[in-house]
Amino acid sequence: MYSLLKPLLFKFDPENIHYFVTRNLKRFNKFPGGAALSRSIWDYKQPLLERTVFGLKFINPVGLAAGFDKNGEVIGEMANLGFGFIEVGTVTPLPQPGNPKPRMFRLPADSALINRMGFNNMGVDVVAERIAAYRKNQPAHQKGIIIGGNIGKNKVTPNEDAVSDYIKCFDRLFDVVDYFVVNVSSPNTPGLRALQEKEPLMHILNTLQQRNSKNGISRPILLKIAPDLTDDQLNDIVEIVQETGIAGVIATNTTISRDGLTSPHKEETGGLSGKPLTNRSTEVISYLHTKSNASFPIIGVGGIHSEEDALEKIQAGASLVQLYTGFIYEGPGLIKRINKKILSA
């Protein structure tokens, strides 16, 4: 089905078609029988797929990466396509429009995307209210869906004040998400990646950990890192995770590398995702897993376009995987194929 739609969808601007697809997916799920039909085609529930990672029970190990549902608008719809968990965001304290358009580009010859969206979102208050509304009306068949909150800083907030933005998002989302992701690795907010250095990163993570208790409840905090880090920087990441006691790492975000690209848009600025990232993200997962002696969980993301790609990341040390660009290029059938491959491996 998706193979017939994809050539048509790819004729239009990628950002515009994203909103067109999500709007119509919401409409389809509201039609009588639409949600049930979606689940019957795409969803794949098997008890053996369940995973308990950083204290949370996931109905399957395949999640939707941050960036697709920035504002918590299609959580239920994505769950009906078979995702076991949904990561919302990146969310900032205040609404922001992001970078000027056009800001997303397809590279079909490379099975890739370049984006320079710039954390466009409606702000943490709107997102928190949307997730709370979903939780209140959550259908029984989606009770196991895990929701993550990916948090960042506003573009106008200087790095020396960044921790205050992360605190605001953390506090506002605490009651409605199951885990947090600290995003300091997007290349599309000026200066943000400087926060990956050890001292500022330790400050942010330790501050959040000190606030990570409410009525006896704490939330797993994960760190999302760039694929462009050196081995020395990855060694620092291992130390930071172990010293701060956060729950784990998401490896990896988009890359600023353009090695080996052939598509016309290859010179566009922004973060590159898709197949060119497949090997590097797996290398980072393997390095962290080995260097840390498997002392913390890793969510693997980057260039997963097939069930084999997902399995390689799991074999490299990932406990869970996430899709974004591969989902766009391969369609929702990829989720079921990955889950079936994991069961048969």
Protein backbone atom coordinates (compact mmCIF):
# COMPACT_ATOMS: atom_id res chain seq x y z
CA MET A 1 0.00 0.00 0.00
CA TYR A 2 2.69 2.51 1.02
CA SER A 3 4.79 1.66 -2.04
CA LEU A 4 1.94 2.99 -4.19
CA LEU A 5 1.54 6.20 -2.17
CA LYS A 6 5.20 7.04 -1.70
CA PRO A 7 5.99 8.27 -5.26
CA LEU A 8 3.05 10.68 -5.02
CA LEU A 9 3.93 11.90 -1.52
CA PHE A 10 7.56 12.47 -2.53
CA LYS A 11 6.50 14.91 -5.26
CA PHE A 12 5.63 17.53 -2.63
CA ASP A 13 7.61 19.59 -0.13
CA PRO A 14 8.56 17.22 2.73
CA GLU A 15 7.46 19.50 5.56
CA ASN A 16 4.09 20.27 3.93
CA ILE A 17 3.45 16.61 3.15
CA HIS A 18 4.30 15.67 6.73
CA TYR A 19 1.49 17.85 8.04
CA PHE A 20 -0.84 16.67 5.27
CA VAL A 21 -0.21 13.02 6.18
CA THR A 22 -0.57 13.51 9.94
CA ARG A 23 -3.80 15.50 9.54
CA ASN A 24 -5.32 12.82 7.37
CA LEU A 25 -4.06 10.05 9.60
CA LYS A 26 -5.95 11.69 12.45
CA ARG A 27 -9.08 11.91 10.29
CA PHE A 28 -8.78 8.26 9.26
CA ASN A 29 -8.48 7.15 12.88
CA LYS A 30 -11.65 9.08 13.77
CA PHE A 31 -13.74 7.33 11.12
CA PRO A 32 -15.80 4.42 12.48
CA GLY A 33 -13.54 1.39 12.28
CA GLY A 34 -10.54 3.39 11.08
CA ALA A 35 -8.39 2.88 14.18
CA ALA A 36 -9.25 -0.82 14.31
CA LEU A 37 -8.38 -1.22 10.64
CA SER A 38 -5.06 0.52 11.17
CA ARG A 39 -4.21 -1.85 14.02
CA SER A 40 -5.30 -4.90 12.05
CA ILE A 41 -2.96 -4.01 9.18
CA TRP A 42 0.09 -2.62 10.97
CA ASP A 43 0.11 -3.52 14.66
CA TYR A 44 1.81 -6.70 15.87
CA LYS A 45 1.32 -7.63 19.50
CA GLN A 46 3.22 -10.57 20.93
CA PRO A 47 4.04 -11.07 24.63
CA LEU A 48 7.59 -12.15 23.74
CA LEU A 49 8.26 -8.67 22.33
CA GLU A 50 7.80 -7.03 25.73
CA ARG A 51 10.91 -5.46 27.23
CA THR A 52 11.57 -3.91 30.64
CA VAL A 53 14.19 -1.20 30.22
CA PHE A 54 15.20 1.43 32.81
CA GLY A 55 12.27 0.27 34.92
CA LEU A 56 9.61 0.73 32.25
CA LYS A 57 7.68 -2.03 30.49
CA PHE A 58 7.61 -1.60 26.70
CA ILE A 59 5.05 -3.61 24.71
CA ASN A 60 7.61 -3.87 21.90
CA PRO A 61 11.11 -2.48 21.36
CA VAL A 62 10.36 -0.30 18.29
CA GLY A 63 9.66 3.36 18.98
CA LEU A 64 9.03 6.59 17.11
CA ALA A 65 11.99 8.96 17.44
CA ALA A 66 11.64 12.58 18.48
CA GLY A 67 11.04 15.11 15.72
CA PHE A 68 8.10 13.41 14.04
CA ASP A 69 5.46 14.33 16.63
CA LYS A 70 6.89 17.55 18.02
CA ASN A 71 3.68 18.68 19.72
CA GLY A 72 2.06 15.46 20.92
CA GLU A 73 -0.60 15.52 18.22
CA VAL A 74 -0.56 11.94 16.89
CA ILE A 75 0.41 9.72 19.82
CA GLY A 76 -2.62 7.44 19.48
CA GLU A 77 -2.37 7.31 15.70
CA MET A 78 1.30 6.27 15.86
CA ALA A 79 0.46 3.63 18.46
CA ASN A 80 -2.14 2.20 16.06
CA LEU A 81 0.63 1.78 13.47
CA GLY A 82 2.44 -0.56 15.84
CA PHE A 83 5.00 1.60 17.65
CA GLY A 84 5.70 0.41 21.18
CA PHE A 85 6.67 3.85 22.41
CA ILE A 86 6.41 7.44 21.21
CA GLU A 87 8.93 10.18 21.91
CA VAL A 88 7.39 13.65 21.73
CA GLY A 89 9.36 16.82 21.01
CA THR A 90 11.86 18.34 21.02
CA VAL A 91 9.90 20.63 23.36
CA THR A 92 11.10 24.03 24.59
CA PRO A 93 9.70 26.20 27.40
CA LEU A 94 8.34 28.87 25.06
CA PRO A 95 6.75 28.35 21.63
CA GLN A 96 9.12 29.03 18.76
CA PRO A 97 8.66 28.99 14.98
CA GLY A 98 11.99 27.37 14.18
CA ASN A 99 14.22 28.28 11.28
CA PRO A 100 13.05 29.87 8.00
CA LYS A 101 11.54 27.61 5.34
CA PRO A 102 12.43 25.57 3.37
CA ARG A 103 14.12 23.63 6.14
CA MET A 104 13.66 19.96 5.27
CA PHE A 105 15.06 18.26 2.19
CA ARG A 106 14.80 14.75 0.79
CA LEU A 107 17.84 13.02 -0.65
CA PRO A 108 16.23 10.03 -2.40
CA ALA A 109 19.43 8.80 -4.05
CA ASP A 110 20.93 8.51 -0.57
CA SER A 111 17.73 7.41 1.25
CA ALA A 112 18.24 10.36 3.56
CA LEU A 113 16.84 13.62 4.87
CA ILE A 114 18.47 16.89 5.82
CA ASN A 115 16.58 19.08 8.25
CA ARG A 116 17.28 22.38 9.92
CA MET A 117 13.91 22.71 11.63
CA GLY A 118 15.30 24.44 14.72
CA PHE A 119 13.08 23.05 17.51
CA ASN A 120 9.85 24.44 16.04
CA ASN A 121 7.15 23.61 18.58
CA MET A 122 4.16 25.07 20.41
CA GLY A 123 5.87 25.25 23.79
CA VAL A 124 5.84 22.99 26.81
CA ASP A 125 2.48 24.12 28.20
CA VAL A 126 0.59 23.15 25.03
CA VAL A 127 2.45 19.85 24.71
CA ALA A 128 1.88 18.94 28.38
CA GLU A 129 -1.84 19.62 28.04
CA ARG A 130 -2.06 17.50 24.89
CA ILE A 131 -0.31 14.54 26.47
CA ALA A 132 -2.51 14.87 29.57
CA ALA A 133 -5.63 14.88 27.35
CA TYR A 134 -4.39 11.75 25.57
CA ARG A 135 -3.74 10.04 28.89
CA LYS A 136 -7.24 10.90 30.10
CA ASN A 137 -8.92 9.46 27.01
CA GLN A 138 -6.41 6.70 26.25
CA PRO A 139 -8.18 3.64 24.79
CA ALA A 140 -7.72 0.29 26.50
CA HIS A 141 -5.70 -1.20 23.64
CA GLN A 142 -3.07 1.55 24.05
CA LYS A 143 -2.60 1.31 27.82
CA GLY A 144 0.93 -0.08 27.42
CA ILE A 145 2.22 2.75 25.23
CA ILE A 146 5.23 4.51 26.73
CA ILE A 147 5.58 8.25 26.09
CA GLY A 148 8.91 10.04 26.25
CA GLY A 149 9.50 13.77 26.49
CA ASN A 150 12.45 15.10 24.51
CA ILE A 151 13.41 18.49 25.96
CA GLY A 152 15.62 21.33 24.73
CA LYS A 153 16.32 25.01 25.18
CA ASN A 154 14.86 27.98 23.36
CA LYS A 155 17.06 29.51 20.68
CA VAL A 156 17.13 32.90 22.48
CA THR A 157 18.29 31.38 25.77
CA PRO A 158 22.07 31.74 26.17
CA ASN A 159 23.98 28.56 26.97
CA GLU A 160 24.90 29.81 30.44
CA ASP A 161 21.17 29.89 31.26
CA ALA A 162 20.28 26.67 29.41
CA VAL A 163 19.72 24.67 32.58
CA SER A 164 16.72 26.85 33.45
CA ASP A 165 15.01 25.88 30.17
CA TYR A 166 15.59 22.18 30.82
CA ILE A 167 14.21 22.59 34.35
CA LYS A 168 11.05 24.29 33.07
CA CYS A 169 10.36 21.52 30.57
CA PHE A 170 11.22 18.80 33.07
CA ASP A 171 8.91 20.16 35.76
CA ARG A 172 6.01 20.81 33.37
CA LEU A 173 6.13 17.39 31.71
CA PHE A 174 6.96 15.33 34.79
CA ASP A 175 3.38 14.20 35.46
CA VAL A 176 2.52 13.26 31.88
CA VAL A 177 5.57 11.47 30.37
CA ASP A 178 7.22 8.17 31.29
CA TYR A 179 10.82 9.18 30.57
CA PHE A 180 12.86 12.23 29.58
CA VAL A 181 15.48 12.82 26.92
CA VAL A 182 17.90 15.71 27.28
CA ASN A 183 18.65 16.95 23.77
CA VAL A 184 21.95 18.82 23.52
CA SER A 185 22.95 17.27 20.21
CA SER A 186 20.79 18.89 17.54
CA PRO A 187 22.92 20.82 15.03
CA ASN A 188 20.08 23.24 14.27
CA THR A 189 20.12 25.47 17.35
CA PRO A 190 23.22 27.69 17.36
CA GLY A 191 25.68 26.72 20.09
CA LEU A 192 23.57 23.85 21.43
CA ARG A 193 26.16 21.15 20.78
CA ALA A 194 28.62 23.01 23.02
CA LEU A 195 26.46 21.74 25.89
CA GLN A 196 27.72 18.21 25.12
CA GLU A 197 31.04 19.15 26.73
CA LYS A 198 31.54 17.51 30.11
CA GLU A 199 31.18 20.46 32.48
CA PRO A 200 27.94 22.03 31.17
CA LEU A 201 26.41 18.61 30.56
CA MET A 202 27.18 17.42 34.09
CA HIS A 203 25.56 20.60 35.43
CA ILE A 204 22.33 20.08 33.46
CA LEU A 205 22.03 16.38 34.26
CA ASN A 206 22.90 16.69 37.94
CA THR A 207 20.41 19.54 38.31
CA LEU A 208 17.63 17.46 36.76
CA GLN A 209 18.55 14.43 38.85
CA GLN A 210 18.29 16.54 42.01
CA ARG A 211 14.71 17.45 41.00
CA ASN A 212 13.85 13.93 39.88
CA SER A 213 11.45 12.99 42.63
CA LYS A 214 7.80 13.82 43.12
CA ASN A 215 5.59 11.96 45.58
CA GLY A 216 8.15 9.19 45.63
CA ILE A 217 8.20 8.90 41.82
CA SER A 218 11.24 9.49 39.61
CA ARG A 219 11.49 9.42 35.83
CA PRO A 220 14.27 7.84 33.78
CA ILE A 221 16.45 10.55 32.22
CA LEU A 222 18.32 9.76 29.02
CA LEU A 223 20.88 11.74 27.07
CA LYS A 224 20.68 12.00 23.27
CA ILE A 225 24.11 12.32 21.68
CA ALA A 226 25.48 13.23 18.27
CA PRO A 227 27.14 10.68 15.99
CA ASP A 228 29.97 13.13 15.38
CA LEU A 229 31.59 12.74 18.81
CA THR A 230 35.20 11.54 19.01
CA ASP A 231 36.20 8.50 21.04
CA ASP A 232 37.47 10.80 23.79
CA GLN A 233 34.11 12.55 23.88
CA LEU A 234 32.31 9.20 23.97
CA ASN A 235 34.54 8.22 26.89
CA ASP A 236 33.34 11.38 28.61
CA ILE A 237 29.74 10.40 27.89
CA VAL A 238 30.25 7.04 29.61
CA GLU A 239 31.71 8.81 32.66
CA ILE A 240 28.91 11.38 32.70
CA VAL A 241 26.18 8.72 32.60
CA GLN A 242 27.83 6.74 35.37
CA GLU A 243 28.61 9.75 37.56
CA THR A 244 25.20 11.41 37.27
CA GLY A 245 23.26 8.17 37.51
CA ILE A 246 20.98 8.94 34.59
CA ALA A 247 19.14 6.01 33.04
CA GLY A 248 20.87 5.73 29.66
CA VAL A 249 21.71 7.12 26.25
CA ILE A 250 20.01 7.56 22.89
CA ALA A 251 22.52 7.04 20.09
CA THR A 252 22.37 8.90 17.83
CA ASN A 253 20.99 12.23 16.65
CA THR A 254 21.55 13.56 13.11
CA THR A 255 25.02 14.15 11.71
CA ILE A 256 26.72 17.19 10.20
CA SER A 257 28.84 14.91 8.01
CA ARG A 258 28.18 14.82 4.27
CA ASP A 259 30.54 12.00 3.32
CA GLY A 260 29.56 9.98 0.26
CA LEU A 261 26.33 11.82 -0.59
CA THR A 262 25.22 12.07 -4.21
CA SER A 263 21.87 13.85 -4.02
CA PRO A 264 21.37 17.45 -5.26
CA HIS A 265 20.51 18.76 -1.77
CA LYS A 266 23.67 17.36 -0.16
CA GLU A 267 25.10 20.84 0.51
CA GLU A 268 22.10 22.05 2.49
CA THR A 269 22.90 22.92 6.09
CA GLY A 270 21.29 20.98 8.90
CA GLY A 271 21.29 17.49 10.34
CA LEU A 272 21.54 14.50 8.04
CA SER A 273 19.52 11.38 8.85
CA GLY A 274 18.79 8.12 7.07
CA LYS A 275 20.94 5.41 5.50
CA PRO A 276 24.21 7.40 5.49
CA LEU A 277 24.00 7.29 9.30
CA THR A 278 23.38 3.55 9.61
CA ASN A 279 26.93 2.37 10.21
CA ARG A 280 28.13 5.27 12.34
CA SER A 281 25.20 5.11 14.76
CA THR A 282 25.78 1.37 15.16
CA GLU A 283 29.49 2.01 15.80
CA VAL A 284 28.62 4.51 18.53
CA ILE A 285 26.20 2.04 20.16
CA SER A 286 28.84 -0.69 20.10
CA TYR A 287 31.53 1.61 21.49
CA LEU A 288 29.37 2.82 24.38
CA HIS A 289 28.12 -0.67 25.16
CA THR A 290 31.65 -2.08 25.28
CA LYS A 291 33.32 0.87 27.02
CA SER A 292 30.66 0.97 29.75
CA ASN A 293 30.63 -2.81 30.23
CA ALA A 294 26.91 -2.66 29.39
CA SER A 295 26.31 -0.65 32.56
CA PHE A 296 23.42 1.38 31.10
CA PRO A 297 20.73 0.88 28.43
CA ILE A 298 21.06 2.38 24.96
CA ILE A 299 18.26 3.26 22.55
CA GLY A 300 19.56 2.85 19.01
CA VAL A 301 18.43 5.26 16.31
CA GLY A 302 19.89 6.35 13.00
CA GLY A 303 19.60 4.82 9.55
CA ILE A 304 17.22 1.96 10.36
CA HIS A 305 15.65 1.20 6.98
CA SER A 306 15.25 -2.57 7.33
CA GLU A 307 14.73 -5.25 9.93
CA GLU A 308 18.41 -6.20 9.51
CA ASP A 309 19.47 -2.64 10.38
CA ALA A 310 17.44 -2.80 13.59
CA LEU A 311 18.80 -6.21 14.54
CA GLU A 312 22.38 -5.00 14.02
CA LYS A 313 21.79 -2.20 16.50
CA ILE A 314 20.34 -4.61 19.04
CA GLN A 315 23.27 -6.97 18.56
CA ALA A 316 25.63 -4.00 19.01
CA GLY A 317 24.11 -3.32 22.42
CA ALA A 318 20.85 -1.40 21.95
CA SER A 319 17.98 -2.42 24.22
CA LEU A 320 15.39 -0.56 22.11
CA VAL A 321 15.36 1.09 18.68
CA GLN A 322 13.65 4.14 17.19
CA LEU A 323 12.61 5.08 13.66
CA TYR A 324 12.15 8.36 11.83
CA THR A 325 13.69 8.64 8.36
CA GLY A 326 13.42 4.90 7.72
CA PHE A 327 9.74 5.12 8.64
CA ILE A 328 9.28 7.88 6.03
CA TYR A 329 11.13 5.99 3.31
CA GLU A 330 9.89 2.46 4.04
CA GLY A 331 6.44 3.09 5.49
CA PRO A 332 4.67 1.70 8.57
CA GLY A 333 5.16 -1.90 7.46
CA LEU A 334 8.75 -1.57 8.65
CA ILE A 335 7.62 -1.60 12.29
CA LYS A 336 5.93 -4.98 12.01
CA ARG A 337 8.82 -6.44 9.98
CA ILE A 338 11.32 -5.41 12.63
CA ASN A 339 9.25 -6.88 15.44
CA LYS A 340 8.84 -10.17 13.57
CA LYS A 341 12.59 -10.27 12.85
CA ILE A 342 13.40 -9.72 16.53
CA LEU A 343 11.15 -12.65 17.48
CA SER A 344 12.75 -14.95 14.95
CA ALA A 345 16.35 -13.96 15.68
